[in-house]
Amino acid sequence: MPVYEYSCSNGCENYEVWRTIDERQNNTHCPICAAEGTRVFTPVMSLTGSFRLKKEQSEPRLVRKESTPPTGKARLKESSTRPWMLNRGC
């Protein structure tokens, strides 16, 4: 069940109530003074401005592969065939 925020008509602090979606518009009674309380609209948090998760760039970033110095190990010969196709007569 969602939590909704209500404000007291006598000016007490706002309070939260667990309610079903069908009961969200029904007024409640303040837990401090028992006066009638009305629902306070709180907008949903949106991911704009400083809350944006993905950093957007105006231009694409150039990425280059850095060459690594050769090590003393022998490397396999690069071929255009796939490794699972070797020695299969393909």
PDB file of N, CA and C in Angstrom:
ATOM      1  N   MET A   1       0.828  -1.180   0.000  1.00  0.00           N
ATOM      2  CA  MET A   1       0.000   0.000   0.000  1.00  0.00           C
ATOM      3  C   MET A   1       0.877   1.251   0.000  1.00  0.00           C
ATOM      4  N   PRO A   2       0.486   2.258  -0.737  1.00  0.00           N
ATOM      5  CA  PRO A   2       1.261   3.500  -0.786  1.00  0.00           C
ATOM      6  C   PRO A   2       1.047   4.357   0.455  1.00  0.00           C
ATOM      7  N   VAL A   3       1.991   5.250   0.679  1.00  0.00           N
ATOM      8  CA  VAL A   3       1.914   6.203   1.785  1.00  0.00           C
ATOM      9  C   VAL A   3       1.520   7.552   1.211  1.00  0.00           C
ATOM     10  N   TYR A   4       0.514   8.193   1.800  1.00  0.00           N
ATOM     11  CA  TYR A   4       0.050   9.499   1.353  1.00  0.00           C
ATOM     12  C   TYR A   4       0.250  10.508   2.470  1.00  0.00           C
ATOM     13  N   GLU A   5       0.508  11.753   2.088  1.00  0.00           N
ATOM     14  CA  GLU A   5       0.742  12.818   3.055  1.00  0.00           C
ATOM     15  C   GLU A   5      -0.522  13.669   3.190  1.00  0.00           C
ATOM     16  N   TYR A   6      -0.885  13.967   4.424  1.00  0.00           N
ATOM     17  CA  TYR A   6      -2.076  14.763   4.723  1.00  0.00           C
ATOM     18  C   TYR A   6      -1.679  15.941   5.599  1.00  0.00           C
ATOM     19  N   SER A   7      -2.453  17.030   5.515  1.00  0.00           N
ATOM     20  CA  SER A   7      -2.211  18.187   6.385  1.00  0.00           C
ATOM     21  C   SER A   7      -3.440  18.422   7.248  1.00  0.00           C
ATOM     22  N   CYS A   8      -3.188  18.832   8.478  1.00  0.00           N
ATOM     23  CA  CYS A   8      -4.252  19.069   9.456  1.00  0.00           C
ATOM     24  C   CYS A   8      -4.889  20.434   9.206  1.00  0.00           C
ATOM     25  N   SER A   9      -6.208  20.533   9.401  1.00  0.00           N
ATOM     26  CA  SER A   9      -6.894  21.815   9.204  1.00  0.00           C
ATOM     27  C   SER A   9      -6.630  22.788  10.357  1.00  0.00           C
ATOM     28  N   ASN A  10      -6.161  22.294  11.504  1.00  0.00           N
ATOM     29  CA  ASN A  10      -5.835  23.160  12.640  1.00  0.00           C
ATOM     30  C   ASN A  10      -4.399  23.674  12.591  1.00  0.00           C
ATOM     31  N   GLY A  11      -3.612  23.235  11.652  1.00  0.00           N
ATOM     32  CA  GLY A  11      -2.242  23.723  11.507  1.00  0.00           C
ATOM     33  C   GLY A  11      -1.193  22.855  12.165  1.00  0.00           C
ATOM     34  N   CYS A  12      -1.538  21.639  12.553  1.00  0.00           N
ATOM     35  CA  CYS A  12      -0.530  20.720  13.096  1.00  0.00           C
ATOM     36  C   CYS A  12       0.424  20.322  11.967  1.00  0.00           C
ATOM     37  N   GLU A  13       1.450  19.574  12.298  1.00  0.00           N
ATOM     38  CA  GLU A  13       2.406  19.124  11.277  1.00  0.00           C
ATOM     39  C   GLU A  13       1.727  18.158  10.304  1.00  0.00           C
ATOM     40  N   ASN A  14       2.283  18.070   9.095  1.00  0.00           N
ATOM     41  CA  ASN A  14       1.781  17.103   8.129  1.00  0.00           C
ATOM     42  C   ASN A  14       2.065  15.699   8.646  1.00  0.00           C
ATOM     43  N   TYR A  15       1.210  14.784   8.277  1.00  0.00           N
ATOM     44  CA  TYR A  15       1.372  13.397   8.719  1.00  0.00           C
ATOM     45  C   TYR A  15       1.126  12.477   7.537  1.00  0.00           C
ATOM     46  N   GLU A  16       1.638  11.259   7.642  1.00  0.00           N
ATOM     47  CA  GLU A  16       1.530  10.278   6.560  1.00  0.00           C
ATOM     48  C   GLU A  16       0.630   9.134   6.992  1.00  0.00           C
ATOM     49  N   VAL A  17      -0.133   8.604   6.027  1.00  0.00           N
ATOM     50  CA  VAL A  17      -1.063   7.508   6.284  1.00  0.00           C
ATOM     51  C   VAL A  17      -0.900   6.476   5.182  1.00  0.00           C
ATOM     52  N   TRP A  18      -0.865   5.191   5.579  1.00  0.00           N
ATOM     53  CA  TRP A  18      -0.860   4.090   4.608  1.00  0.00           C
ATOM     54  C   TRP A  18      -2.300   3.862   4.186  1.00  0.00           C
ATOM     55  N   ARG A  19      -2.565   3.965   2.887  1.00  0.00           N
ATOM     56  CA  ARG A  19      -3.925   3.787   2.382  1.00  0.00           C
ATOM     57  C   ARG A  19      -3.884   3.069   1.048  1.00  0.00           C
ATOM     58  N   THR A  20      -5.012   2.479   0.690  1.00  0.00           N
ATOM     59  CA  THR A  20      -5.120   1.898  -0.645  1.00  0.00           C
ATOM     60  C   THR A  20      -5.328   3.037  -1.642  1.00  0.00           C
ATOM     61  N   ILE A  21      -5.145   2.736  -2.899  1.00  0.00           N
ATOM     62  CA  ILE A  21      -5.296   3.756  -3.932  1.00  0.00           C
ATOM     63  C   ILE A  21      -6.743   4.248  -3.988  1.00  0.00           C
ATOM     64  N   ASP A  22      -7.701   3.367  -3.735  1.00  0.00           N
ATOM     65  CA  ASP A  22      -9.112   3.769  -3.757  1.00  0.00           C
ATOM     66  C   ASP A  22      -9.444   4.749  -2.629  1.00  0.00           C
ATOM     67  N   GLU A  23      -8.752   4.663  -1.500  1.00  0.00           N
ATOM     68  CA  GLU A  23      -9.064   5.503  -0.348  1.00  0.00           C
ATOM     69  C   GLU A  23      -8.212   6.769  -0.264  1.00  0.00           C
ATOM     70  N   ARG A  24      -7.381   7.024  -1.242  1.00  0.00           N
ATOM     71  CA  ARG A  24      -6.424   8.125  -1.146  1.00  0.00           C
ATOM     72  C   ARG A  24      -7.076   9.505  -1.068  1.00  0.00           C
ATOM     73  N   GLN A  25      -8.239   9.704  -1.684  1.00  0.00           N
ATOM     74  CA  GLN A  25      -8.890  11.014  -1.677  1.00  0.00           C
ATOM     75  C   GLN A  25      -9.754  11.239  -0.439  1.00  0.00           C
ATOM     76  N   ASN A  26     -10.043  10.182   0.320  1.00  0.00           N
ATOM     77  CA  ASN A  26     -10.857  10.340   1.524  1.00  0.00           C
ATOM     78  C   ASN A  26     -10.070  11.106   2.574  1.00  0.00           C
ATOM     79  N   ASN A  27     -10.719  12.036   3.233  1.00  0.00           N
ATOM     80  CA  ASN A  27     -10.071  12.802   4.299  1.00  0.00           C
ATOM     81  C   ASN A  27      -9.853  11.920   5.520  1.00  0.00           C
ATOM     82  N   THR A  28      -8.853  12.260   6.325  1.00  0.00           N
ATOM     83  CA  THR A  28      -8.518  11.490   7.516  1.00  0.00           C
ATOM     84  C   THR A  28      -8.622  12.384   8.738  1.00  0.00           C
ATOM     85  N   HIS A  29      -8.339  11.829   9.883  1.00  0.00           N
ATOM     86  CA  HIS A  29      -8.319  12.586  11.126  1.00  0.00           C
ATOM     87  C   HIS A  29      -6.879  12.702  11.600  1.00  0.00           C
ATOM     88  N   CYS A  30      -6.510  13.890  12.035  1.00  0.00           N
ATOM     89  CA  CYS A  30      -5.160  14.175  12.507  1.00  0.00           C
ATOM     90  C   CYS A  30      -4.861  13.326  13.748  1.00  0.00           C
ATOM     91  N   PRO A  31      -3.698  12.682  13.808  1.00  0.00           N
ATOM     92  CA  PRO A  31      -3.374  11.857  14.975  1.00  0.00           C
ATOM     93  C   PRO A  31      -3.082  12.685  16.224  1.00  0.00           C
ATOM     94  N   ILE A  32      -2.832  13.988  16.088  1.00  0.00           N
ATOM     95  CA  ILE A  32      -2.511  14.834  17.245  1.00  0.00           C
ATOM     96  C   ILE A  32      -3.775  15.442  17.838  1.00  0.00           C
ATOM     97  N   CYS A  33      -4.590  16.123  17.000  1.00  0.00           N
ATOM     98  CA  CYS A  33      -5.761  16.851  17.525  1.00  0.00           C
ATOM     99  C   CYS A  33      -7.097  16.285  17.058  1.00  0.00           C
ATOM    100  N   ALA A  34      -7.097  15.266  16.231  1.00  0.00           N
ATOM    101  CA  ALA A  34      -8.299  14.598  15.712  1.00  0.00           C
ATOM    102  C   ALA A  34      -9.139  15.489  14.804  1.00  0.00           C
ATOM    103  N   ALA A  35      -8.561  16.571  14.286  1.00  0.00           N
ATOM    104  CA  ALA A  35      -9.278  17.407  13.322  1.00  0.00           C
ATOM    105  C   ALA A  35      -9.178  16.755  11.944  1.00  0.00           C
ATOM    106  N   GLU A  36     -10.001  17.238  11.036  1.00  0.00           N
ATOM    107  CA  GLU A  36     -10.005  16.658   9.692  1.00  0.00           C
ATOM    108  C   GLU A  36      -8.750  17.082   8.929  1.00  0.00           C
ATOM    109  N   GLY A  37      -8.166  16.132   8.212  1.00  0.00           N
ATOM    110  CA  GLY A  37      -6.978  16.414   7.415  1.00  0.00           C
ATOM    111  C   GLY A  37      -7.236  16.150   5.952  1.00  0.00           C
ATOM    112  N   THR A  38      -6.650  16.961   5.089  1.00  0.00           N
ATOM    113  CA  THR A  38      -6.812  16.795   3.644  1.00  0.00           C
ATOM    114  C   THR A  38      -5.495  16.363   3.026  1.00  0.00           C
ATOM    115  N   ARG A  39      -5.595  15.688   1.906  1.00  0.00           N
ATOM    116  CA  ARG A  39      -4.404  15.154   1.245  1.00  0.00           C
ATOM    117  C   ARG A  39      -3.580  16.269   0.629  1.00  0.00           C
ATOM    118  N   VAL A  40      -2.260  16.168   0.785  1.00  0.00           N
ATOM    119  CA  VAL A  40      -1.312  17.110   0.196  1.00  0.00           C
ATOM    120  C   VAL A  40      -0.747  16.458  -1.048  1.00  0.00           C
ATOM    121  N   PHE A  41      -0.795  17.166  -2.164  1.00  0.00           N
ATOM    122  CA  PHE A  41      -0.244  16.627  -3.409  1.00  0.00           C
ATOM    123  C   PHE A  41       1.269  16.740  -3.386  1.00  0.00           C
ATOM    124  N   THR A  42       1.947  15.618  -3.578  1.00  0.00           N
ATOM    125  CA  THR A  42       3.406  15.606  -3.680  1.00  0.00           C
ATOM    126  C   THR A  42       3.770  15.018  -5.032  1.00  0.00           C
ATOM    127  N   PRO A  43       4.424  15.789  -5.893  1.00  0.00           N
ATOM    128  CA  PRO A  43       4.750  15.282  -7.223  1.00  0.00           C
ATOM    129  C   PRO A  43       5.779  14.165  -7.150  1.00  0.00           C
ATOM    130  N   VAL A  44       5.744  13.319  -8.145  1.00  0.00           N
ATOM    131  CA  VAL A  44       6.678  12.209  -8.241  1.00  0.00           C
ATOM    132  C   VAL A  44       8.058  12.747  -8.591  1.00  0.00           C
ATOM    133  N   MET A  45       9.106  12.155  -8.007  1.00  0.00           N
ATOM    134  CA  MET A  45      10.468  12.597  -8.310  1.00  0.00           C
ATOM    135  C   MET A  45      10.806  12.222  -9.753  1.00  0.00           C
ATOM    136  N   SER A  46      11.301  13.158 -10.501  1.00  0.00           N
ATOM    137  CA  SER A  46      11.689  12.879 -11.875  1.00  0.00           C
ATOM    138  C   SER A  46      13.203  13.016 -12.010  1.00  0.00           C
ATOM    139  N   LEU A  47      13.742  12.348 -12.985  1.00  0.00           N
ATOM    140  CA  LEU A  47      15.183  12.360 -13.191  1.00  0.00           C
ATOM    141  C   LEU A  47      15.564  13.475 -14.149  1.00  0.00           C
ATOM    142  N   THR A  48      15.504  14.691 -13.663  1.00  0.00           N
ATOM    143  CA  THR A  48      15.878  15.836 -14.470  1.00  0.00           C
ATOM    144  C   THR A  48      16.921  16.643 -13.722  1.00  0.00           C
ATOM    145  N   GLY A  49      17.624  17.467 -14.427  1.00  0.00           N
ATOM    146  CA  GLY A  49      18.620  18.338 -13.794  1.00  0.00           C
ATOM    147  C   GLY A  49      19.752  17.552 -13.177  1.00  0.00           C
ATOM    148  N   SER A  50      20.031  17.803 -11.906  1.00  0.00           N
ATOM    149  CA  SER A  50      21.158  17.141 -11.249  1.00  0.00           C
ATOM    150  C   SER A  50      20.852  15.695 -10.894  1.00  0.00           C
ATOM    151  N   PHE A  51      19.581  15.242 -11.001  1.00  0.00           N
ATOM    152  CA  PHE A  51      19.235  13.868 -10.687  1.00  0.00           C
ATOM    153  C   PHE A  51      19.404  12.929 -11.877  1.00  0.00           C
ATOM    154  N   ARG A  52      19.792  13.454 -13.017  1.00  0.00           N
ATOM    155  CA  ARG A  52      19.877  12.632 -14.218  1.00  0.00           C
ATOM    156  C   ARG A  52      20.945  11.562 -14.043  1.00  0.00           C
ATOM    157  N   LEU A  53      20.582  10.321 -14.348  1.00  0.00           N
ATOM    158  CA  LEU A  53      21.498   9.205 -14.147  1.00  0.00           C
ATOM    159  C   LEU A  53      22.519   9.085 -15.275  1.00  0.00           C
ATOM    160  N   LYS A  54      22.091   9.299 -16.494  1.00  0.00           N
ATOM    161  CA  LYS A  54      22.980   9.136 -17.637  1.00  0.00           C
ATOM    162  C   LYS A  54      23.550  10.488 -18.023  1.00  0.00           C
ATOM    163  N   LYS A  55      24.858  10.563 -18.139  1.00  0.00           N
ATOM    164  CA  LYS A  55      25.491  11.816 -18.528  1.00  0.00           C
ATOM    165  C   LYS A  55      25.410  11.949 -20.046  1.00  0.00           C
ATOM    166  N   GLU A  56      24.823  13.031 -20.480  1.00  0.00           N
ATOM    167  CA  GLU A  56      24.679  13.247 -21.911  1.00  0.00           C
ATOM    168  C   GLU A  56      25.824  14.110 -22.408  1.00  0.00           C
ATOM    169  N   GLN A  57      26.369  13.748 -23.572  1.00  0.00           N
ATOM    170  CA  GLN A  57      27.455  14.508 -24.169  1.00  0.00           C
ATOM    171  C   GLN A  57      26.956  15.101 -25.474  1.00  0.00           C
ATOM    172  N   SER A  58      27.426  16.305 -25.759  1.00  0.00           N
ATOM    173  CA  SER A  58      26.965  16.952 -26.974  1.00  0.00           C
ATOM    174  C   SER A  58      27.597  16.335 -28.224  1.00  0.00           C
ATOM    175  N   GLU A  59      28.828  15.860 -28.127  1.00  0.00           N
ATOM    176  CA  GLU A  59      29.487  15.234 -29.268  1.00  0.00           C
ATOM    177  C   GLU A  59      30.018  13.864 -28.867  1.00  0.00           C
ATOM    178  N   PRO A  60      30.122  12.952 -29.815  1.00  0.00           N
ATOM    179  CA  PRO A  60      30.646  11.630 -29.483  1.00  0.00           C
ATOM    180  C   PRO A  60      32.112  11.692 -29.069  1.00  0.00           C
ATOM    181  N   ARG A  61      32.483  10.783 -28.218  1.00  0.00           N
ATOM    182  CA  ARG A  61      33.843  10.719 -27.721  1.00  0.00           C
ATOM    183  C   ARG A  61      34.650   9.770 -28.596  1.00  0.00           C
ATOM    184  N   LEU A  62      35.866  10.149 -28.966  1.00  0.00           N
ATOM    185  CA  LEU A  62      36.730   9.324 -29.797  1.00  0.00           C
ATOM    186  C   LEU A  62      37.496   8.359 -28.895  1.00  0.00           C
ATOM    187  N   VAL A  63      37.374   7.079 -29.198  1.00  0.00           N
ATOM    188  CA  VAL A  63      38.040   6.056 -28.412  1.00  0.00           C
ATOM    189  C   VAL A  63      39.058   5.362 -29.296  1.00  0.00           C
ATOM    190  N   ARG A  64      40.271   5.243 -28.809  1.00  0.00           N
ATOM    191  CA  ARG A  64      41.330   4.573 -29.562  1.00  0.00           C
ATOM    192  C   ARG A  64      41.913   3.448 -28.734  1.00  0.00           C
ATOM    193  N   LYS A  65      42.292   2.396 -29.427  1.00  0.00           N
ATOM    194  CA  LYS A  65      42.931   1.277 -28.760  1.00  0.00           C
ATOM    195  C   LYS A  65      44.412   1.598 -28.606  1.00  0.00           C
ATOM    196  N   GLU A  66      44.868   1.520 -27.370  1.00  0.00           N
ATOM    197  CA  GLU A  66      46.277   1.791 -27.131  1.00  0.00           C
ATOM    198  C   GLU A  66      47.082   0.545 -27.447  1.00  0.00           C
ATOM    199  N   SER A  67      48.185   0.748 -28.139  1.00  0.00           N
ATOM    200  CA  SER A  67      49.014  -0.404 -28.490  1.00  0.00           C
ATOM    201  C   SER A  67      49.810  -0.832 -27.256  1.00  0.00           C
ATOM    202  N   THR A  68      49.877  -2.132 -27.080  1.00  0.00           N
ATOM    203  CA  THR A  68      50.623  -2.659 -25.947  1.00  0.00           C
ATOM    204  C   THR A  68      51.971  -3.170 -26.441  1.00  0.00           C
ATOM    205  N   PRO A  69      53.007  -2.994 -25.667  1.00  0.00           N
ATOM    206  CA  PRO A  69      54.306  -3.490 -26.107  1.00  0.00           C
ATOM    207  C   PRO A  69      54.287  -5.019 -26.145  1.00  0.00           C
ATOM    208  N   PRO A  70      54.968  -5.605 -27.123  1.00  0.00           N
ATOM    209  CA  PRO A  70      54.946  -7.068 -27.241  1.00  0.00           C
ATOM    210  C   PRO A  70      55.649  -7.714 -26.040  1.00  0.00           C
ATOM    211  N   THR A  71      55.033  -8.762 -25.583  1.00  0.00           N
ATOM    212  CA  THR A  71      55.644  -9.519 -24.498  1.00  0.00           C
ATOM    213  C   THR A  71      56.434 -10.667 -25.097  1.00  0.00           C
ATOM    214  N   GLY A  72      57.190 -11.367 -24.305  1.00  0.00           N
ATOM    215  CA  GLY A  72      58.018 -12.463 -24.804  1.00  0.00           C
ATOM    216  C   GLY A  72      57.230 -13.711 -25.138  1.00  0.00           C
ATOM    217  N   LYS A  73      55.941 -13.731 -24.883  1.00  0.00           N
ATOM    218  CA  LYS A  73      55.136 -14.924 -25.127  1.00  0.00           C
ATOM    219  C   LYS A  73      54.765 -15.016 -26.604  1.00  0.00           C
ATOM    220  N   ALA A  74      54.696 -16.245 -27.087  1.00  0.00           N
ATOM    221  CA  ALA A  74      54.273 -16.459 -28.477  1.00  0.00           C
ATOM    222  C   ALA A  74      52.758 -16.391 -28.540  1.00  0.00           C
ATOM    223  N   ARG A  75      52.276 -15.670 -29.535  1.00  0.00           N
ATOM    224  CA  ARG A  75      50.834 -15.546 -29.703  1.00  0.00           C
ATOM    225  C   ARG A  75      50.370 -16.470 -30.803  1.00  0.00           C
ATOM    226  N   LEU A  76      49.113 -16.860 -30.723  1.00  0.00           N
ATOM    227  CA  LEU A  76      48.534 -17.664 -31.785  1.00  0.00           C
ATOM    228  C   LEU A  76      48.399 -16.814 -33.030  1.00  0.00           C
ATOM    229  N   LYS A  77      48.562 -17.451 -34.147  1.00  0.00           N
ATOM    230  CA  LYS A  77      48.412 -16.744 -35.402  1.00  0.00           C
ATOM    231  C   LYS A  77      46.942 -16.378 -35.597  1.00  0.00           C
ATOM    232  N   GLU A  78      46.701 -15.098 -35.873  1.00  0.00           N
ATOM    233  CA  GLU A  78      45.332 -14.662 -36.097  1.00  0.00           C
ATOM    234  C   GLU A  78      44.896 -15.102 -37.485  1.00  0.00           C
ATOM    235  N   SER A  79      43.743 -15.684 -37.549  1.00  0.00           N
ATOM    236  CA  SER A  79      43.221 -16.134 -38.834  1.00  0.00           C
ATOM    237  C   SER A  79      41.792 -15.651 -38.976  1.00  0.00           C
ATOM    238  N   SER A  80      41.288 -15.760 -40.182  1.00  0.00           N
ATOM    239  CA  SER A  80      39.921 -15.311 -40.431  1.00  0.00           C
ATOM    240  C   SER A  80      38.904 -16.396 -40.094  1.00  0.00           C
ATOM    241  N   THR A  81      39.368 -17.620 -39.815  1.00  0.00           N
ATOM    242  CA  THR A  81      38.430 -18.689 -39.469  1.00  0.00           C
ATOM    243  C   THR A  81      38.133 -18.649 -37.973  1.00  0.00           C
ATOM    244  N   ARG A  82      37.015 -19.160 -37.654  1.00  0.00           N
ATOM    245  CA  ARG A  82      36.620 -19.198 -36.253  1.00  0.00           C
ATOM    246  C   ARG A  82      37.301 -20.374 -35.570  1.00  0.00           C
ATOM    247  N   PRO A  83      37.666 -20.267 -34.298  1.00  0.00           N
ATOM    248  CA  PRO A  83      38.413 -21.336 -33.635  1.00  0.00           C
ATOM    249  C   PRO A  83      37.690 -22.670 -33.636  1.00  0.00           C
ATOM    250  N   TRP A  84      36.374 -22.681 -33.558  1.00  0.00           N
ATOM    251  CA  TRP A  84      35.664 -23.951 -33.533  1.00  0.00           C
ATOM    252  C   TRP A  84      35.564 -24.600 -34.908  1.00  0.00           C
ATOM    253  N   MET A  85      36.039 -23.887 -35.963  1.00  0.00           N
ATOM    254  CA  MET A  85      35.999 -24.437 -37.311  1.00  0.00           C
ATOM    255  C   MET A  85      37.335 -25.050 -37.726  1.00  0.00           C
ATOM    256  N   LEU A  86      38.361 -24.917 -36.889  1.00  0.00           N
ATOM    257  CA  LEU A  86      39.666 -25.468 -37.229  1.00  0.00           C
ATOM    258  C   LEU A  86      39.620 -26.988 -37.269  1.00  0.00           C
ATOM    259  N   ASN A  87      40.336 -27.597 -38.209  1.00  0.00           N
ATOM    260  CA  ASN A  87      40.460 -29.043 -38.363  1.00  0.00           C
ATOM    261  C   ASN A  87      39.122 -29.742 -38.548  1.00  0.00           C
ATOM    262  N   ARG A  88      38.185 -29.085 -39.151  1.00  0.00           N
ATOM    263  CA  ARG A  88      36.886 -29.712 -39.406  1.00  0.00           C
ATOM    264  C   ARG A  88      36.607 -29.799 -40.904  1.00  0.00           C
ATOM    265  N   GLY A  89      37.578 -29.436 -41.717  1.00  0.00           N
ATOM    266  CA  GLY A  89      37.399 -29.530 -43.155  1.00  0.00           C
ATOM    267  C   GLY A  89      36.557 -28.421 -43.741  1.00  0.00           C
ATOM    268  N   CYS A  90      36.421 -27.360 -43.044  1.00  0.00           N
ATOM    269  CA  CYS A  90      35.599 -26.241 -43.545  1.00  0.00           C
ATOM    270  C   CYS A  90      36.442 -25.282 -44.333  1.00  0.00           C
TER     271      CYS A  90
END
